[in-house]
Amino acid sequence: MSPHVVELVVRGRLGHELIAALDGFEVATDEHGLTHIVGHVADQARLFGLLDMFDELHIEVVSMNPVDPEGFSPDAGDAQDTSDS
């Protein structure tokens, strides 16, 4: 698997510590209570690691979607919580 940009959609809001652990990913919660996590995934092992982490934390992954890498430019590579807490 070559590097890809993916969007993982999970149910609920993520805590600040978990968002901080997602360094390099953009994190935003929408008005429906879904959190969108978007970022570069270097290989299949990294993707499975993310999915395993969510599974261990009992966070429901709603979907995983490819993102056009041309349209993705993270803000200095830091995860951000754009939810309105």
PDB file of N, CA and C in Angstrom:
ATOM      1  N   MET A   1       0.850  -1.172   0.000  1.00  0.00           N
ATOM      2  CA  MET A   1       0.000   0.000   0.000  1.00  0.00           C
ATOM      3  C   MET A   1       0.896   1.236   0.000  1.00  0.00           C
ATOM      4  N   SER A   2       0.743   2.069  -0.988  1.00  0.00           N
ATOM      5  CA  SER A   2       1.497   3.317  -1.023  1.00  0.00           C
ATOM      6  C   SER A   2       0.796   4.332  -0.118  1.00  0.00           C
ATOM      7  N   PRO A   3       1.500   5.416   0.266  1.00  0.00           N
ATOM      8  CA  PRO A   3       0.875   6.412   1.148  1.00  0.00           C
ATOM      9  C   PRO A   3      -0.412   6.971   0.540  1.00  0.00           C
ATOM     10  N   HIS A   4      -1.417   7.078   1.369  1.00  0.00           N
ATOM     11  CA  HIS A   4      -2.722   7.585   0.969  1.00  0.00           C
ATOM     12  C   HIS A   4      -3.220   8.563   2.015  1.00  0.00           C
ATOM     13  N   VAL A   5      -4.160   9.395   1.603  1.00  0.00           N
ATOM     14  CA  VAL A   5      -4.880  10.229   2.562  1.00  0.00           C
ATOM     15  C   VAL A   5      -6.229   9.556   2.760  1.00  0.00           C
ATOM     16  N   VAL A   6      -6.579   9.333   4.016  1.00  0.00           N
ATOM     17  CA  VAL A   6      -7.847   8.680   4.322  1.00  0.00           C
ATOM     18  C   VAL A   6      -8.636   9.522   5.315  1.00  0.00           C
ATOM     19  N   GLU A   7      -9.940   9.319   5.290  1.00  0.00           N
ATOM     20  CA  GLU A   7     -10.840   9.901   6.278  1.00  0.00           C
ATOM     21  C   GLU A   7     -11.475   8.748   7.037  1.00  0.00           C
ATOM     22  N   LEU A   8     -11.296   8.748   8.336  1.00  0.00           N
ATOM     23  CA  LEU A   8     -11.984   7.797   9.200  1.00  0.00           C
ATOM     24  C   LEU A   8     -13.096   8.569   9.893  1.00  0.00           C
ATOM     25  N   VAL A   9     -14.291   8.030   9.856  1.00  0.00           N
ATOM     26  CA  VAL A   9     -15.435   8.655  10.525  1.00  0.00           C
ATOM     27  C   VAL A   9     -15.804   7.747  11.693  1.00  0.00           C
ATOM     28  N   VAL A  10     -15.828   8.343  12.892  1.00  0.00           N
ATOM     29  CA  VAL A  10     -16.178   7.580  14.089  1.00  0.00           C
ATOM     30  C   VAL A  10     -17.366   8.234  14.766  1.00  0.00           C
ATOM     31  N   ARG A  11     -18.096   7.422  15.528  1.00  0.00           N
ATOM     32  CA  ARG A  11     -19.278   7.929  16.230  1.00  0.00           C
ATOM     33  C   ARG A  11     -18.841   8.590  17.541  1.00  0.00           C
ATOM     34  N   GLY A  12     -19.345   9.786  17.783  1.00  0.00           N
ATOM     35  CA  GLY A  12     -19.075  10.496  19.029  1.00  0.00           C
ATOM     36  C   GLY A  12     -17.935  11.488  18.905  1.00  0.00           C
ATOM     37  N   ARG A  13     -17.655  12.130  20.027  1.00  0.00           N
ATOM     38  CA  ARG A  13     -16.576  13.115  20.109  1.00  0.00           C
ATOM     39  C   ARG A  13     -15.370  12.480  20.769  1.00  0.00           C
ATOM     40  N   LEU A  14     -14.190  12.867  20.326  1.00  0.00           N
ATOM     41  CA  LEU A  14     -12.960  12.355  20.911  1.00  0.00           C
ATOM     42  C   LEU A  14     -12.450  13.323  21.960  1.00  0.00           C
ATOM     43  N   GLY A  15     -11.842  12.771  23.007  1.00  0.00           N
ATOM     44  CA  GLY A  15     -11.255  13.604  24.051  1.00  0.00           C
ATOM     45  C   GLY A  15      -9.976  14.263  23.575  1.00  0.00           C
ATOM     46  N   HIS A  16      -9.551  15.289  24.297  1.00  0.00           N
ATOM     47  CA  HIS A  16      -8.364  16.051  23.922  1.00  0.00           C
ATOM     48  C   HIS A  16      -7.100  15.184  23.902  1.00  0.00           C
ATOM     49  N   GLU A  17      -6.977  14.234  24.832  1.00  0.00           N
ATOM     50  CA  GLU A  17      -5.794  13.367  24.858  1.00  0.00           C
ATOM     51  C   GLU A  17      -5.731  12.481  23.620  1.00  0.00           C
ATOM     52  N   LEU A  18      -6.866  11.952  23.203  1.00  0.00           N
ATOM     53  CA  LEU A  18      -6.883  11.105  22.010  1.00  0.00           C
ATOM     54  C   LEU A  18      -6.601  11.938  20.763  1.00  0.00           C
ATOM     55  N   ILE A  19      -7.160  13.132  20.713  1.00  0.00           N
ATOM     56  CA  ILE A  19      -6.886  14.012  19.576  1.00  0.00           C
ATOM     57  C   ILE A  19      -5.392  14.313  19.505  1.00  0.00           C
ATOM     58  N   ALA A  20      -4.767  14.565  20.653  1.00  0.00           N
ATOM     59  CA  ALA A  20      -3.333  14.836  20.687  1.00  0.00           C
ATOM     60  C   ALA A  20      -2.532  13.628  20.199  1.00  0.00           C
ATOM     61  N   ALA A  21      -3.031  12.421  20.477  1.00  0.00           N
ATOM     62  CA  ALA A  21      -2.347  11.205  20.026  1.00  0.00           C
ATOM     63  C   ALA A  21      -2.452  11.022  18.515  1.00  0.00           C
ATOM     64  N   LEU A  22      -3.387  11.708  17.886  1.00  0.00           N
ATOM     65  CA  LEU A  22      -3.571  11.616  16.437  1.00  0.00           C
ATOM     66  C   LEU A  22      -2.767  12.704  15.732  1.00  0.00           C
ATOM     67  N   ASP A  23      -1.544  12.894  16.153  1.00  0.00           N
ATOM     68  CA  ASP A  23      -0.658  13.906  15.587  1.00  0.00           C
ATOM     69  C   ASP A  23      -0.524  13.699  14.080  1.00  0.00           C
ATOM     70  N   GLY A  24      -0.695  14.767  13.323  1.00  0.00           N
ATOM     71  CA  GLY A  24      -0.613  14.689  11.871  1.00  0.00           C
ATOM     72  C   GLY A  24      -1.957  14.505  11.197  1.00  0.00           C
ATOM     73  N   PHE A  25      -3.016  14.379  11.998  1.00  0.00           N
ATOM     74  CA  PHE A  25      -4.364  14.203  11.458  1.00  0.00           C
ATOM     75  C   PHE A  25      -5.207  15.423  11.796  1.00  0.00           C
ATOM     76  N   GLU A  26      -6.092  15.784  10.883  1.00  0.00           N
ATOM     77  CA  GLU A  26      -7.092  16.808  11.169  1.00  0.00           C
ATOM     78  C   GLU A  26      -8.288  16.110  11.793  1.00  0.00           C
ATOM     79  N   VAL A  27      -8.821  16.678  12.867  1.00  0.00           N
ATOM     80  CA  VAL A  27      -9.943  16.075  13.587  1.00  0.00           C
ATOM     81  C   VAL A  27     -11.042  17.122  13.714  1.00  0.00           C
ATOM     82  N   ALA A  28     -12.252  16.770  13.266  1.00  0.00           N
ATOM     83  CA  ALA A  28     -13.386  17.688  13.351  1.00  0.00           C
ATOM     84  C   ALA A  28     -14.646  16.898  13.653  1.00  0.00           C
ATOM     85  N   THR A  29     -15.494  17.459  14.513  1.00  0.00           N
ATOM     86  CA  THR A  29     -16.768  16.837  14.849  1.00  0.00           C
ATOM     87  C   THR A  29     -17.877  17.612  14.158  1.00  0.00           C
ATOM     88  N   ASP A  30     -18.797  16.885  13.527  1.00  0.00           N
ATOM     89  CA  ASP A  30     -19.886  17.558  12.812  1.00  0.00           C
ATOM     90  C   ASP A  30     -21.131  17.674  13.696  1.00  0.00           C
ATOM     91  N   GLU A  31     -22.162  18.294  13.144  1.00  0.00           N
ATOM     92  CA  GLU A  31     -23.394  18.545  13.901  1.00  0.00           C
ATOM     93  C   GLU A  31     -24.193  17.275  14.186  1.00  0.00           C
ATOM     94  N   HIS A  32     -23.816  16.164  13.576  1.00  0.00           N
ATOM     95  CA  HIS A  32     -24.517  14.889  13.804  1.00  0.00           C
ATOM     96  C   HIS A  32     -23.820  14.025  14.848  1.00  0.00           C
ATOM     97  N   GLY A  33     -22.765  14.565  15.470  1.00  0.00           N
ATOM     98  CA  GLY A  33     -22.052  13.820  16.497  1.00  0.00           C
ATOM     99  C   GLY A  33     -21.044  12.834  15.951  1.00  0.00           C
ATOM    100  N   LEU A  34     -20.680  12.981  14.679  1.00  0.00           N
ATOM    101  CA  LEU A  34     -19.650  12.131  14.074  1.00  0.00           C
ATOM    102  C   LEU A  34     -18.336  12.901  14.036  1.00  0.00           C
ATOM    103  N   THR A  35     -17.248  12.204  14.284  1.00  0.00           N
ATOM    104  CA  THR A  35     -15.927  12.823  14.222  1.00  0.00           C
ATOM    105  C   THR A  35     -15.218  12.343  12.978  1.00  0.00           C
ATOM    106  N   HIS A  36     -14.662  13.297  12.220  1.00  0.00           N
ATOM    107  CA  HIS A  36     -13.957  13.017  10.973  1.00  0.00           C
ATOM    108  C   HIS A  36     -12.467  13.194  11.232  1.00  0.00           C
ATOM    109  N   ILE A  37     -11.699  12.153  10.948  1.00  0.00           N
ATOM    110  CA  ILE A  37     -10.257  12.145  11.174  1.00  0.00           C
ATOM    111  C   ILE A  37      -9.609  11.965   9.809  1.00  0.00           C
ATOM    112  N   VAL A  38      -8.856  12.967   9.359  1.00  0.00           N
ATOM    113  CA  VAL A  38      -8.295  12.950   8.009  1.00  0.00           C
ATOM    114  C   VAL A  38      -6.791  13.131   8.092  1.00  0.00           C
ATOM    115  N   GLY A  39      -6.062  12.273   7.361  1.00  0.00           N
ATOM    116  CA  GLY A  39      -4.612  12.426   7.334  1.00  0.00           C
ATOM    117  C   GLY A  39      -3.945  11.392   6.468  1.00  0.00           C
ATOM    118  N   HIS A  40      -2.635  11.544   6.340  1.00  0.00           N
ATOM    119  CA  HIS A  40      -1.820  10.628   5.556  1.00  0.00           C
ATOM    120  C   HIS A  40      -1.615   9.327   6.332  1.00  0.00           C
ATOM    121  N   VAL A  41      -1.777   8.212   5.653  1.00  0.00           N
ATOM    122  CA  VAL A  41      -1.506   6.894   6.222  1.00  0.00           C
ATOM    123  C   VAL A  41      -0.424   6.275   5.349  1.00  0.00           C
ATOM    124  N   ALA A  42       0.748   6.087   5.927  1.00  0.00           N
ATOM    125  CA  ALA A  42       1.918   5.659   5.166  1.00  0.00           C
ATOM    126  C   ALA A  42       1.799   4.246   4.612  1.00  0.00           C
ATOM    127  N   ASP A  43       1.191   3.364   5.388  1.00  0.00           N
ATOM    128  CA  ASP A  43       1.116   1.976   4.947  1.00  0.00           C
ATOM    129  C   ASP A  43      -0.044   1.261   5.641  1.00  0.00           C
ATOM    130  N   GLN A  44      -0.231   0.016   5.253  1.00  0.00           N
ATOM    131  CA  GLN A  44      -1.342  -0.776   5.779  1.00  0.00           C
ATOM    132  C   GLN A  44      -1.204  -0.996   7.289  1.00  0.00           C
ATOM    133  N   ALA A  45       0.020  -1.146   7.761  1.00  0.00           N
ATOM    134  CA  ALA A  45       0.237  -1.361   9.191  1.00  0.00           C
ATOM    135  C   ALA A  45      -0.247  -0.156  10.004  1.00  0.00           C
ATOM    136  N   ARG A  46       0.013   1.054   9.506  1.00  0.00           N
ATOM    137  CA  ARG A  46      -0.442   2.268  10.202  1.00  0.00           C
ATOM    138  C   ARG A  46      -1.968   2.336  10.228  1.00  0.00           C
ATOM    139  N   LEU A  47      -2.589   1.999   9.093  1.00  0.00           N
ATOM    140  CA  LEU A  47      -4.047   2.005   9.018  1.00  0.00           C
ATOM    141  C   LEU A  47      -4.638   0.994   9.997  1.00  0.00           C
ATOM    142  N   PHE A  48      -4.106  -0.221  10.002  1.00  0.00           N
ATOM    143  CA  PHE A  48      -4.610  -1.241  10.926  1.00  0.00           C
ATOM    144  C   PHE A  48      -4.344  -0.841  12.373  1.00  0.00           C
ATOM    145  N   GLY A  49      -3.236  -0.150  12.630  1.00  0.00           N
ATOM    146  CA  GLY A  49      -2.942   0.324  13.975  1.00  0.00           C
ATOM    147  C   GLY A  49      -3.988   1.313  14.456  1.00  0.00           C
ATOM    148  N   LEU A  50      -4.380   2.225  13.577  1.00  0.00           N
ATOM    149  CA  LEU A  50      -5.437   3.179  13.936  1.00  0.00           C
ATOM    150  C   LEU A  50      -6.754   2.465  14.210  1.00  0.00           C
ATOM    151  N   LEU A  51      -7.115   1.546  13.324  1.00  0.00           N
ATOM    152  CA  LEU A  51      -8.370   0.814  13.499  1.00  0.00           C
ATOM    153  C   LEU A  51      -8.352  -0.019  14.779  1.00  0.00           C
ATOM    154  N   ASP A  52      -7.214  -0.651  15.084  1.00  0.00           N
ATOM    155  CA  ASP A  52      -7.083  -1.424  16.324  1.00  0.00           C
ATOM    156  C   ASP A  52      -7.218  -0.529  17.553  1.00  0.00           C
ATOM    157  N   MET A  53      -6.620   0.673  17.491  1.00  0.00           N
ATOM    158  CA  MET A  53      -6.710   1.603  18.616  1.00  0.00           C
ATOM    159  C   MET A  53      -8.169   1.967  18.892  1.00  0.00           C
ATOM    160  N   PHE A  54      -8.919   2.291  17.826  1.00  0.00           N
ATOM    161  CA  PHE A  54     -10.320   2.629  18.015  1.00  0.00           C
ATOM    162  C   PHE A  54     -11.099   1.441  18.566  1.00  0.00           C
ATOM    163  N   ASP A  55     -10.792   0.258  18.080  1.00  0.00           N
ATOM    164  CA  ASP A  55     -11.473  -0.945  18.558  1.00  0.00           C
ATOM    165  C   ASP A  55     -11.199  -1.166  20.049  1.00  0.00           C
ATOM    166  N   GLU A  56      -9.942  -1.033  20.460  1.00  0.00           N
ATOM    167  CA  GLU A  56      -9.587  -1.224  21.867  1.00  0.00           C
ATOM    168  C   GLU A  56     -10.258  -0.197  22.775  1.00  0.00           C
ATOM    169  N   LEU A  57     -10.498   0.998  22.237  1.00  0.00           N
ATOM    170  CA  LEU A  57     -11.150   2.050  23.015  1.00  0.00           C
ATOM    171  C   LEU A  57     -12.674   2.024  22.874  1.00  0.00           C
ATOM    172  N   HIS A  58     -13.185   1.012  22.163  1.00  0.00           N
ATOM    173  CA  HIS A  58     -14.622   0.843  21.938  1.00  0.00           C
ATOM    174  C   HIS A  58     -15.234   2.050  21.242  1.00  0.00           C
ATOM    175  N   ILE A  59     -14.493   2.575  20.267  1.00  0.00           N
ATOM    176  CA  ILE A  59     -14.973   3.685  19.447  1.00  0.00           C
ATOM    177  C   ILE A  59     -15.437   3.098  18.128  1.00  0.00           C
ATOM    178  N   GLU A  60     -16.694   3.328  17.802  1.00  0.00           N
ATOM    179  CA  GLU A  60     -17.273   2.757  16.585  1.00  0.00           C
ATOM    180  C   GLU A  60     -16.788   3.504  15.349  1.00  0.00           C
ATOM    181  N   VAL A  61     -16.145   2.776  14.436  1.00  0.00           N
ATOM    182  CA  VAL A  61     -15.745   3.342  13.153  1.00  0.00           C
ATOM    183  C   VAL A  61     -16.934   3.193  12.211  1.00  0.00           C
ATOM    184  N   VAL A  62     -17.447   4.322  11.735  1.00  0.00           N
ATOM    185  CA  VAL A  62     -18.616   4.327  10.870  1.00  0.00           C
ATOM    186  C   VAL A  62     -18.205   4.091   9.422  1.00  0.00           C
ATOM    187  N   SER A  63     -17.110   4.737   9.001  1.00  0.00           N
ATOM    188  CA  SER A  63     -16.642   4.538   7.628  1.00  0.00           C
ATOM    189  C   SER A  63     -15.178   4.917   7.498  1.00  0.00           C
ATOM    190  N   MET A  64     -14.588   4.428   6.424  1.00  0.00           N
ATOM    191  CA  MET A  64     -13.220   4.775   6.050  1.00  0.00           C
ATOM    192  C   MET A  64     -13.273   5.133   4.577  1.00  0.00           C
ATOM    193  N   ASN A  65     -12.791   6.335   4.229  1.00  0.00           N
ATOM    194  CA  ASN A  65     -12.938   6.835   2.879  1.00  0.00           C
ATOM    195  C   ASN A  65     -11.622   7.378   2.346  1.00  0.00           C
ATOM    196  N   PRO A  66     -11.330   7.134   1.072  1.00  0.00           N
ATOM    197  CA  PRO A  66     -10.142   7.760   0.479  1.00  0.00           C
ATOM    198  C   PRO A  66     -10.405   9.256   0.280  1.00  0.00           C
ATOM    199  N   VAL A  67      -9.345  10.047   0.373  1.00  0.00           N
ATOM    200  CA  VAL A  67      -9.426  11.489   0.165  1.00  0.00           C
ATOM    201  C   VAL A  67      -8.433  11.849  -0.926  1.00  0.00           C
ATOM    202  N   ASP A  68      -8.818  12.753  -1.799  1.00  0.00           N
ATOM    203  CA  ASP A  68      -7.923  13.213  -2.852  1.00  0.00           C
ATOM    204  C   ASP A  68      -6.734  13.924  -2.206  1.00  0.00           C
ATOM    205  N   PRO A  69      -5.513  13.402  -2.361  1.00  0.00           N
ATOM    206  CA  PRO A  69      -4.356  14.028  -1.722  1.00  0.00           C
ATOM    207  C   PRO A  69      -4.084  15.449  -2.221  1.00  0.00           C
ATOM    208  N   GLU A  70      -4.569  15.780  -3.407  1.00  0.00           N
ATOM    209  CA  GLU A  70      -4.387  17.132  -3.949  1.00  0.00           C
ATOM    210  C   GLU A  70      -5.154  18.162  -3.122  1.00  0.00           C
ATOM    211  N   GLY A  71      -6.274  17.752  -2.558  1.00  0.00           N
ATOM    212  CA  GLY A  71      -7.112  18.674  -1.804  1.00  0.00           C
ATOM    213  C   GLY A  71      -6.836  18.680  -0.321  1.00  0.00           C
ATOM    214  N   PHE A  72      -5.828  17.925   0.128  1.00  0.00           N
ATOM    215  CA  PHE A  72      -5.552  17.819   1.561  1.00  0.00           C
ATOM    216  C   PHE A  72      -4.225  18.470   1.884  1.00  0.00           C
ATOM    217  N   SER A  73      -4.260  19.438   2.786  1.00  0.00           N
ATOM    218  CA  SER A  73      -3.022  20.047   3.286  1.00  0.00           C
ATOM    219  C   SER A  73      -3.210  20.346   4.764  1.00  0.00           C
ATOM    220  N   PRO A  74      -2.688  19.468   5.633  1.00  0.00           N
ATOM    221  CA  PRO A  74      -2.882  19.661   7.072  1.00  0.00           C
ATOM    222  C   PRO A  74      -2.195  20.931   7.556  1.00  0.00           C
ATOM    223  N   ASP A  75      -2.767  21.548   8.575  1.00  0.00           N
ATOM    224  CA  ASP A  75      -2.179  22.756   9.183  1.00  0.00           C
ATOM    225  C   ASP A  75      -0.970  22.356  10.008  1.00  0.00           C
ATOM    226  N   ALA A  76       0.195  22.456   9.431  1.00  0.00           N
ATOM    227  CA  ALA A  76       1.463  22.171  10.110  1.00  0.00           C
ATOM    228  C   ALA A  76       1.514  20.771  10.702  1.00  0.00           C
ATOM    229  N   GLY A  77       0.664  19.860  10.218  1.00  0.00           N
ATOM    230  CA  GLY A  77       0.725  18.470  10.641  1.00  0.00           C
ATOM    231  C   GLY A  77       0.178  18.177  12.013  1.00  0.00           C
ATOM    232  N   ASP A  78      -0.511  19.116  12.646  1.00  0.00           N
ATOM    233  CA  ASP A  78      -1.036  18.887  13.983  1.00  0.00           C
ATOM    234  C   ASP A  78      -2.515  18.541  13.943  1.00  0.00           C
ATOM    235  N   ALA A  79      -2.909  17.603  14.803  1.00  0.00           N
ATOM    236  CA  ALA A  79      -4.317  17.272  14.943  1.00  0.00           C
ATOM    237  C   ALA A  79      -5.033  18.459  15.551  1.00  0.00           C
ATOM    238  N   GLN A  80      -6.243  18.711  15.111  1.00  0.00           N
ATOM    239  CA  GLN A  80      -6.997  19.838  15.634  1.00  0.00           C
ATOM    240  C   GLN A  80      -8.410  19.410  15.961  1.00  0.00           C
ATOM    241  N   ASP A  81      -8.924  19.921  17.052  1.00  0.00           N
ATOM    242  CA  ASP A  81     -10.302  19.681  17.435  1.00  0.00           C
ATOM    243  C   ASP A  81     -11.105  20.907  17.022  1.00  0.00           C
ATOM    244  N   THR A  82     -11.904  20.749  15.965  1.00  0.00           N
ATOM    245  CA  THR A  82     -12.711  21.870  15.515  1.00  0.00           C
ATOM    246  C   THR A  82     -14.154  21.726  15.984  1.00  0.00           C
ATOM    247  N   SER A  83     -14.369  20.868  16.970  1.00  0.00           N
ATOM    248  CA  SER A  83     -15.712  20.730  17.528  1.00  0.00           C
ATOM    249  C   SER A  83     -16.012  21.945  18.389  1.00  0.00           C
ATOM    250  N   ASP A  84     -17.281  22.213  18.556  1.00  0.00           N
ATOM    251  CA  ASP A  84     -17.662  23.349  19.397  1.00  0.00           C
ATOM    252  C   ASP A  84     -18.041  22.837  20.777  1.00  0.00           C
ATOM    253  N   SER A  85     -17.003  22.660  21.614  1.00  0.00           N
ATOM    254  CA  SER A  85     -17.179  22.111  22.958  1.00  0.00           C
ATOM    255  C   SER A  85     -17.709  23.141  23.905  1.00  0.00           C
TER     256      SER A  85
END
